[in-house]
Amino acid sequence: MKNLTAFVAQQNFHAALFGGNQLDVKRLTPTDRSQLLAALECALSPENLCCDGELRGRALQQKSRMLNGAMRELLALEKS
């Protein structure tokens, strides 16, 4: 759950700045999971993934690996 934890930490950081709710990876409700899934799908869109072409190479690979890993981990939680 390393990737999902990292993604939730990013989401919590933004929530703290803009007044959203804080999530706890160990206590995700079905609504939290649905919101995370939507956020991950958005983050994995080509424009967001590569920051409109500004992100390349190793940094792009690392970001893609983390986001795809978080997606796999979240989907595994959905099945359990």
PDB file of N, CA and C in Angstrom:
ATOM      1  N   MET A   1       0.818  -1.208   0.000  1.00  0.00           N
ATOM      2  CA  MET A   1       0.000   0.000   0.000  1.00  0.00           C
ATOM      3  C   MET A   1       0.853   1.260   0.000  1.00  0.00           C
ATOM      4  N   LYS A   2       2.108   1.097  -0.363  1.00  0.00           N
ATOM      5  CA  LYS A   2       3.037   2.220  -0.380  1.00  0.00           C
ATOM      6  C   LYS A   2       2.581   3.313  -1.339  1.00  0.00           C
ATOM      7  N   ASN A   3       2.185   2.920  -2.543  1.00  0.00           N
ATOM      8  CA  ASN A   3       1.777   3.910  -3.546  1.00  0.00           C
ATOM      9  C   ASN A   3       0.470   4.590  -3.176  1.00  0.00           C
ATOM     10  N   LEU A   4      -0.481   3.819  -2.703  1.00  0.00           N
ATOM     11  CA  LEU A   4      -1.759   4.398  -2.299  1.00  0.00           C
ATOM     12  C   LEU A   4      -1.572   5.348  -1.120  1.00  0.00           C
ATOM     13  N   THR A   5      -0.722   4.990  -0.190  1.00  0.00           N
ATOM     14  CA  THR A   5      -0.427   5.856   0.955  1.00  0.00           C
ATOM     15  C   THR A   5       0.183   7.175   0.487  1.00  0.00           C
ATOM     16  N   ALA A   6       1.097   7.106  -0.478  1.00  0.00           N
ATOM     17  CA  ALA A   6       1.713   8.319  -1.015  1.00  0.00           C
ATOM     18  C   ALA A   6       0.681   9.192  -1.721  1.00  0.00           C
ATOM     19  N   PHE A   7      -0.212   8.562  -2.492  1.00  0.00           N
ATOM     20  CA  PHE A   7      -1.243   9.327  -3.191  1.00  0.00           C
ATOM     21  C   PHE A   7      -2.211   9.980  -2.204  1.00  0.00           C
ATOM     22  N   VAL A   8      -2.605   9.250  -1.186  1.00  0.00           N
ATOM     23  CA  VAL A   8      -3.511   9.805  -0.169  1.00  0.00           C
ATOM     24  C   VAL A   8      -2.827  10.966   0.556  1.00  0.00           C
ATOM     25  N   ALA A   9      -1.536  10.850   0.804  1.00  0.00           N
ATOM     26  CA  ALA A   9      -0.805  11.948   1.447  1.00  0.00           C
ATOM     27  C   ALA A   9      -0.843  13.199   0.570  1.00  0.00           C
ATOM     28  N   GLN A  10      -0.701  13.027  -0.738  1.00  0.00           N
ATOM     29  CA  GLN A  10      -0.803  14.171  -1.653  1.00  0.00           C
ATOM     30  C   GLN A  10      -2.205  14.777  -1.606  1.00  0.00           C
ATOM     31  N   GLN A  11      -3.204  13.916  -1.616  1.00  0.00           N
ATOM     32  CA  GLN A  11      -4.591  14.388  -1.564  1.00  0.00           C
ATOM     33  C   GLN A  11      -4.865  15.120  -0.250  1.00  0.00           C
ATOM     34  N   ASN A  12      -4.333  14.591   0.851  1.00  0.00           N
ATOM     35  CA  ASN A  12      -4.515  15.236   2.156  1.00  0.00           C
ATOM     36  C   ASN A  12      -3.825  16.593   2.213  1.00  0.00           C
ATOM     37  N   PHE A  13      -2.668  16.707   1.564  1.00  0.00           N
ATOM     38  CA  PHE A  13      -1.958  17.981   1.514  1.00  0.00           C
ATOM     39  C   PHE A  13      -2.824  19.026   0.813  1.00  0.00           C
ATOM     40  N   HIS A  14      -3.399  18.659  -0.337  1.00  0.00           N
ATOM     41  CA  HIS A  14      -4.262  19.580  -1.066  1.00  0.00           C
ATOM     42  C   HIS A  14      -5.530  19.888  -0.277  1.00  0.00           C
ATOM     43  N   ALA A  15      -6.064  18.894   0.394  1.00  0.00           N
ATOM     44  CA  ALA A  15      -7.265  19.098   1.202  1.00  0.00           C
ATOM     45  C   ALA A  15      -6.986  20.073   2.345  1.00  0.00           C
ATOM     46  N   ALA A  16      -5.802  19.976   2.928  1.00  0.00           N
ATOM     47  CA  ALA A  16      -5.445  20.894   4.013  1.00  0.00           C
ATOM     48  C   ALA A  16      -5.339  22.331   3.495  1.00  0.00           C
ATOM     49  N   LEU A  17      -4.842  22.488   2.288  1.00  0.00           N
ATOM     50  CA  LEU A  17      -4.704  23.832   1.719  1.00  0.00           C
ATOM     51  C   LEU A  17      -6.046  24.441   1.321  1.00  0.00           C
ATOM     52  N   PHE A  18      -6.913  23.592   0.766  1.00  0.00           N
ATOM     53  CA  PHE A  18      -8.148  24.107   0.184  1.00  0.00           C
ATOM     54  C   PHE A  18      -9.407  23.720   0.946  1.00  0.00           C
ATOM     55  N   GLY A  19      -9.254  23.161   2.134  1.00  0.00           N
ATOM     56  CA  GLY A  19     -10.408  22.905   2.990  1.00  0.00           C
ATOM     57  C   GLY A  19     -11.195  21.652   2.668  1.00  0.00           C
ATOM     58  N   GLY A  20     -10.536  20.602   2.263  1.00  0.00           N
ATOM     59  CA  GLY A  20     -11.228  19.340   2.015  1.00  0.00           C
ATOM     60  C   GLY A  20     -11.109  18.413   3.210  1.00  0.00           C
ATOM     61  N   ASN A  21     -11.683  17.216   3.058  1.00  0.00           N
ATOM     62  CA  ASN A  21     -11.597  16.267   4.178  1.00  0.00           C
ATOM     63  C   ASN A  21     -10.325  15.433   4.082  1.00  0.00           C
ATOM     64  N   GLN A  22      -9.762  15.123   5.229  1.00  0.00           N
ATOM     65  CA  GLN A  22      -8.548  14.310   5.321  1.00  0.00           C
ATOM     66  C   GLN A  22      -8.930  12.834   5.293  1.00  0.00           C
ATOM     67  N   LEU A  23      -8.160  12.040   4.574  1.00  0.00           N
ATOM     68  CA  LEU A  23      -8.430  10.616   4.451  1.00  0.00           C
ATOM     69  C   LEU A  23      -7.417   9.807   5.243  1.00  0.00           C
ATOM     70  N   ASP A  24      -7.855   8.681   5.749  1.00  0.00           N
ATOM     71  CA  ASP A  24      -6.989   7.730   6.437  1.00  0.00           C
ATOM     72  C   ASP A  24      -6.998   6.446   5.610  1.00  0.00           C
ATOM     73  N   VAL A  25      -5.849   6.057   5.108  1.00  0.00           N
ATOM     74  CA  VAL A  25      -5.742   4.895   4.221  1.00  0.00           C
ATOM     75  C   VAL A  25      -6.305   3.632   4.872  1.00  0.00           C
ATOM     76  N   LYS A  26      -6.151   3.517   6.167  1.00  0.00           N
ATOM     77  CA  LYS A  26      -6.597   2.303   6.862  1.00  0.00           C
ATOM     78  C   LYS A  26      -8.101   2.286   7.119  1.00  0.00           C
ATOM     79  N   ARG A  27      -8.767   3.424   6.943  1.00  0.00           N
ATOM     80  CA  ARG A  27     -10.205   3.513   7.223  1.00  0.00           C
ATOM     81  C   ARG A  27     -10.949   4.194   6.080  1.00  0.00           C
ATOM     82  N   LEU A  28     -10.790   3.686   4.885  1.00  0.00           N
ATOM     83  CA  LEU A  28     -11.444   4.279   3.730  1.00  0.00           C
ATOM     84  C   LEU A  28     -12.879   3.764   3.608  1.00  0.00           C
ATOM     85  N   THR A  29     -13.794   4.677   3.533  1.00  0.00           N
ATOM     86  CA  THR A  29     -15.193   4.311   3.318  1.00  0.00           C
ATOM     87  C   THR A  29     -15.398   4.069   1.818  1.00  0.00           C
ATOM     88  N   PRO A  30     -16.505   3.465   1.444  1.00  0.00           N
ATOM     89  CA  PRO A  30     -16.784   3.311   0.009  1.00  0.00           C
ATOM     90  C   PRO A  30     -16.802   4.651  -0.739  1.00  0.00           C
ATOM     91  N   THR A  31     -17.292   5.696  -0.096  1.00  0.00           N
ATOM     92  CA  THR A  31     -17.286   7.025  -0.716  1.00  0.00           C
ATOM     93  C   THR A  31     -15.863   7.528  -0.907  1.00  0.00           C
ATOM     94  N   ASP A  32     -15.002   7.330   0.104  1.00  0.00           N
ATOM     95  CA  ASP A  32     -13.594   7.726  -0.007  1.00  0.00           C
ATOM     96  C   ASP A  32     -12.923   6.982  -1.158  1.00  0.00           C
ATOM     97  N   ARG A  33     -13.194   5.693  -1.270  1.00  0.00           N
ATOM     98  CA  ARG A  33     -12.599   4.887  -2.340  1.00  0.00           C
ATOM     99  C   ARG A  33     -13.053   5.377  -3.702  1.00  0.00           C
ATOM    100  N   SER A  34     -14.317   5.718  -3.806  1.00  0.00           N
ATOM    101  CA  SER A  34     -14.848   6.226  -5.064  1.00  0.00           C
ATOM    102  C   SER A  34     -14.193   7.556  -5.440  1.00  0.00           C
ATOM    103  N   GLN A  35     -14.025   8.424  -4.465  1.00  0.00           N
ATOM    104  CA  GLN A  35     -13.377   9.717  -4.714  1.00  0.00           C
ATOM    105  C   GLN A  35     -11.913   9.534  -5.093  1.00  0.00           C
ATOM    106  N   LEU A  36     -11.234   8.615  -4.434  1.00  0.00           N
ATOM    107  CA  LEU A  36      -9.834   8.341  -4.773  1.00  0.00           C
ATOM    108  C   LEU A  36      -9.713   7.762  -6.171  1.00  0.00           C
ATOM    109  N   LEU A  37     -10.620   6.887  -6.535  1.00  0.00           N
ATOM    110  CA  LEU A  37     -10.600   6.308  -7.868  1.00  0.00           C
ATOM    111  C   LEU A  37     -10.762   7.398  -8.922  1.00  0.00           C
ATOM    112  N   ALA A  38     -11.693   8.308  -8.708  1.00  0.00           N
ATOM    113  CA  ALA A  38     -11.897   9.421  -9.638  1.00  0.00           C
ATOM    114  C   ALA A  38     -10.655  10.308  -9.713  1.00  0.00           C
ATOM    115  N   ALA A  39     -10.035  10.573  -8.563  1.00  0.00           N
ATOM    116  CA  ALA A  39      -8.831  11.412  -8.535  1.00  0.00           C
ATOM    117  C   ALA A  39      -7.676  10.726  -9.264  1.00  0.00           C
ATOM    118  N   LEU A  40      -7.553   9.409  -9.090  1.00  0.00           N
ATOM    119  CA  LEU A  40      -6.496   8.669  -9.778  1.00  0.00           C
ATOM    120  C   LEU A  40      -6.732   8.649 -11.286  1.00  0.00           C
ATOM    121  N   GLU A  41      -7.971   8.448 -11.701  1.00  0.00           N
ATOM    122  CA  GLU A  41      -8.268   8.458 -13.129  1.00  0.00           C
ATOM    123  C   GLU A  41      -7.937   9.821 -13.733  1.00  0.00           C
ATOM    124  N   CYS A  42      -8.233  10.866 -13.007  1.00  0.00           N
ATOM    125  CA  CYS A  42      -7.908  12.220 -13.462  1.00  0.00           C
ATOM    126  C   CYS A  42      -6.386  12.418 -13.529  1.00  0.00           C
ATOM    127  N   ALA A  43      -5.684  11.978 -12.503  1.00  0.00           N
ATOM    128  CA  ALA A  43      -4.225  12.141 -12.458  1.00  0.00           C
ATOM    129  C   ALA A  43      -3.532  11.332 -13.546  1.00  0.00           C
ATOM    130  N   LEU A  44      -4.157  10.246 -13.975  1.00  0.00           N
ATOM    131  CA  LEU A  44      -3.566   9.390 -15.011  1.00  0.00           C
ATOM    132  C   LEU A  44      -3.926   9.818 -16.428  1.00  0.00           C
ATOM    133  N   SER A  45      -4.727  10.864 -16.573  1.00  0.00           N
ATOM    134  CA  SER A  45      -5.017  11.349 -17.926  1.00  0.00           C
ATOM    135  C   SER A  45      -3.709  11.849 -18.536  1.00  0.00           C
ATOM    136  N   PRO A  46      -3.545  11.705 -19.839  1.00  0.00           N
ATOM    137  CA  PRO A  46      -2.270  12.095 -20.466  1.00  0.00           C
ATOM    138  C   PRO A  46      -1.831  13.521 -20.158  1.00  0.00           C
ATOM    139  N   GLU A  47      -2.778  14.453 -20.148  1.00  0.00           N
ATOM    140  CA  GLU A  47      -2.417  15.852 -19.896  1.00  0.00           C
ATOM    141  C   GLU A  47      -1.888  16.049 -18.484  1.00  0.00           C
ATOM    142  N   ASN A  48      -2.544  15.420 -17.512  1.00  0.00           N
ATOM    143  CA  ASN A  48      -2.111  15.570 -16.124  1.00  0.00           C
ATOM    144  C   ASN A  48      -0.872  14.742 -15.818  1.00  0.00           C
ATOM    145  N   LEU A  49      -0.793  13.555 -16.404  1.00  0.00           N
ATOM    146  CA  LEU A  49       0.342  12.684 -16.126  1.00  0.00           C
ATOM    147  C   LEU A  49       1.654  13.334 -16.544  1.00  0.00           C
ATOM    148  N   CYS A  50       1.672  13.921 -17.721  1.00  0.00           N
ATOM    149  CA  CYS A  50       2.935  14.510 -18.194  1.00  0.00           C
ATOM    150  C   CYS A  50       2.979  16.022 -18.040  1.00  0.00           C
ATOM    151  N   CYS A  51       2.047  16.569 -17.248  1.00  0.00           N
ATOM    152  CA  CYS A  51       2.021  18.017 -16.982  1.00  0.00           C
ATOM    153  C   CYS A  51       2.045  18.815 -18.286  1.00  0.00           C
ATOM    154  N   ASP A  52       1.129  18.467 -19.195  1.00  0.00           N
ATOM    155  CA  ASP A  52       1.023  19.108 -20.511  1.00  0.00           C
ATOM    156  C   ASP A  52       2.346  19.092 -21.277  1.00  0.00           C
ATOM    157  N   GLY A  53       3.061  17.992 -21.187  1.00  0.00           N
ATOM    158  CA  GLY A  53       4.303  17.816 -21.932  1.00  0.00           C
ATOM    159  C   GLY A  53       5.553  18.315 -21.235  1.00  0.00           C
ATOM    160  N   GLU A  54       5.407  18.884 -20.059  1.00  0.00           N
ATOM    161  CA  GLU A  54       6.559  19.428 -19.335  1.00  0.00           C
ATOM    162  C   GLU A  54       7.337  18.359 -18.573  1.00  0.00           C
ATOM    163  N   LEU A  55       6.699  17.248 -18.251  1.00  0.00           N
ATOM    164  CA  LEU A  55       7.346  16.188 -17.478  1.00  0.00           C
ATOM    165  C   LEU A  55       7.770  15.092 -18.439  1.00  0.00           C
ATOM    166  N   ARG A  56       9.055  14.712 -18.371  1.00  0.00           N
ATOM    167  CA  ARG A  56       9.577  13.710 -19.296  1.00  0.00           C
ATOM    168  C   ARG A  56      10.552  12.793 -18.563  1.00  0.00           C
ATOM    169  N   GLY A  57      10.939  11.756 -19.252  1.00  0.00           N
ATOM    170  CA  GLY A  57      12.005  10.885 -18.790  1.00  0.00           C
ATOM    171  C   GLY A  57      11.709  10.183 -17.479  1.00  0.00           C
ATOM    172  N   ARG A  58      12.727  10.154 -16.632  1.00  0.00           N
ATOM    173  CA  ARG A  58      12.668   9.432 -15.373  1.00  0.00           C
ATOM    174  C   ARG A  58      11.567   9.947 -14.454  1.00  0.00           C
ATOM    175  N   ALA A  59      11.389  11.250 -14.395  1.00  0.00           N
ATOM    176  CA  ALA A  59      10.357  11.827 -13.524  1.00  0.00           C
ATOM    177  C   ALA A  59       8.962  11.370 -13.966  1.00  0.00           C
ATOM    178  N   LEU A  60       8.744  11.306 -15.272  1.00  0.00           N
ATOM    179  CA  LEU A  60       7.457  10.838 -15.800  1.00  0.00           C
ATOM    180  C   LEU A  60       7.257   9.365 -15.476  1.00  0.00           C
ATOM    181  N   GLN A  61       8.300   8.574 -15.618  1.00  0.00           N
ATOM    182  CA  GLN A  61       8.215   7.147 -15.299  1.00  0.00           C
ATOM    183  C   GLN A  61       7.899   6.925 -13.828  1.00  0.00           C
ATOM    184  N   GLN A  62       8.548   7.674 -12.957  1.00  0.00           N
ATOM    185  CA  GLN A  62       8.313   7.534 -11.525  1.00  0.00           C
ATOM    186  C   GLN A  62       6.879   7.923 -11.157  1.00  0.00           C
ATOM    187  N   LYS A  63       6.396   9.021 -11.730  1.00  0.00           N
ATOM    188  CA  LYS A  63       5.038   9.459 -11.452  1.00  0.00           C
ATOM    189  C   LYS A  63       4.038   8.421 -11.956  1.00  0.00           C
ATOM    190  N   SER A  64       4.260   7.919 -13.152  1.00  0.00           N
ATOM    191  CA  SER A  64       3.373   6.910 -13.721  1.00  0.00           C
ATOM    192  C   SER A  64       3.375   5.630 -12.887  1.00  0.00           C
ATOM    193  N   ARG A  65       4.543   5.216 -12.451  1.00  0.00           N
ATOM    194  CA  ARG A  65       4.664   4.005 -11.634  1.00  0.00           C
ATOM    195  C   ARG A  65       3.909   4.160 -10.315  1.00  0.00           C
ATOM    196  N   MET A  66       4.040   5.321  -9.680  1.00  0.00           N
ATOM    197  CA  MET A  66       3.363   5.548  -8.397  1.00  0.00           C
ATOM    198  C   MET A  66       1.851   5.583  -8.582  1.00  0.00           C
ATOM    199  N   LEU A  67       1.373   6.311  -9.592  1.00  0.00           N
ATOM    200  CA  LEU A  67      -0.067   6.436  -9.798  1.00  0.00           C
ATOM    201  C   LEU A  67      -0.695   5.105 -10.213  1.00  0.00           C
ATOM    202  N   ASN A  68      -0.048   4.383 -11.107  1.00  0.00           N
ATOM    203  CA  ASN A  68      -0.578   3.078 -11.515  1.00  0.00           C
ATOM    204  C   ASN A  68      -0.537   2.085 -10.360  1.00  0.00           C
ATOM    205  N   GLY A  69       0.497   2.166  -9.535  1.00  0.00           N
ATOM    206  CA  GLY A  69       0.574   1.318  -8.345  1.00  0.00           C
ATOM    207  C   GLY A  69      -0.538   1.643  -7.367  1.00  0.00           C
ATOM    208  N   ALA A  70      -0.815   2.926  -7.184  1.00  0.00           N
ATOM    209  CA  ALA A  70      -1.902   3.337  -6.294  1.00  0.00           C
ATOM    210  C   ALA A  70      -3.242   2.845  -6.825  1.00  0.00           C
ATOM    211  N   MET A  71      -3.406   2.888  -8.137  1.00  0.00           N
ATOM    212  CA  MET A  71      -4.650   2.398  -8.747  1.00  0.00           C
ATOM    213  C   MET A  71      -4.811   0.896  -8.493  1.00  0.00           C
ATOM    214  N   ARG A  72      -3.741   0.131  -8.699  1.00  0.00           N
ATOM    215  CA  ARG A  72      -3.801  -1.317  -8.443  1.00  0.00           C
ATOM    216  C   ARG A  72      -4.124  -1.605  -6.984  1.00  0.00           C
ATOM    217  N   GLU A  73      -3.489  -0.892  -6.074  1.00  0.00           N
ATOM    218  CA  GLU A  73      -3.714  -1.100  -4.648  1.00  0.00           C
ATOM    219  C   GLU A  73      -5.152  -0.741  -4.261  1.00  0.00           C
ATOM    220  N   LEU A  74      -5.679   0.335  -4.814  1.00  0.00           N
ATOM    221  CA  LEU A  74      -7.044   0.737  -4.520  1.00  0.00           C
ATOM    222  C   LEU A  74      -8.034  -0.293  -5.065  1.00  0.00           C
ATOM    223  N   LEU A  75      -7.810  -0.760  -6.279  1.00  0.00           N
ATOM    224  CA  LEU A  75      -8.698  -1.764  -6.857  1.00  0.00           C
ATOM    225  C   LEU A  75      -8.639  -3.087  -6.076  1.00  0.00           C
ATOM    226  N   ALA A  76      -7.468  -3.413  -5.546  1.00  0.00           N
ATOM    227  CA  ALA A  76      -7.338  -4.618  -4.712  1.00  0.00           C
ATOM    228  C   ALA A  76      -8.158  -4.463  -3.428  1.00  0.00           C
ATOM    229  N   LEU A  77      -8.193  -3.250  -2.870  1.00  0.00           N
ATOM    230  CA  LEU A  77      -9.015  -2.992  -1.685  1.00  0.00           C
ATOM    231  C   LEU A  77     -10.504  -3.136  -2.015  1.00  0.00           C
ATOM    232  N   GLU A  78     -10.876  -2.706  -3.202  1.00  0.00           N
ATOM    233  CA  GLU A  78     -12.274  -2.810  -3.619  1.00  0.00           C
ATOM    234  C   GLU A  78     -12.719  -4.268  -3.663  1.00  0.00           C
ATOM    235  N   LYS A  79     -11.829  -5.142  -4.081  1.00  0.00           N
ATOM    236  CA  LYS A  79     -12.174  -6.555  -4.217  1.00  0.00           C
ATOM    237  C   LYS A  79     -12.244  -7.278  -2.875  1.00  0.00           C
ATOM    238  N   SER A  80     -11.538  -6.747  -1.892  1.00  0.00           N
ATOM    239  CA  SER A  80     -11.516  -7.434  -0.580  1.00  0.00           C
ATOM    240  C   SER A  80     -12.615  -6.972   0.349  1.00  0.00           C
TER     241      SER A  80
END
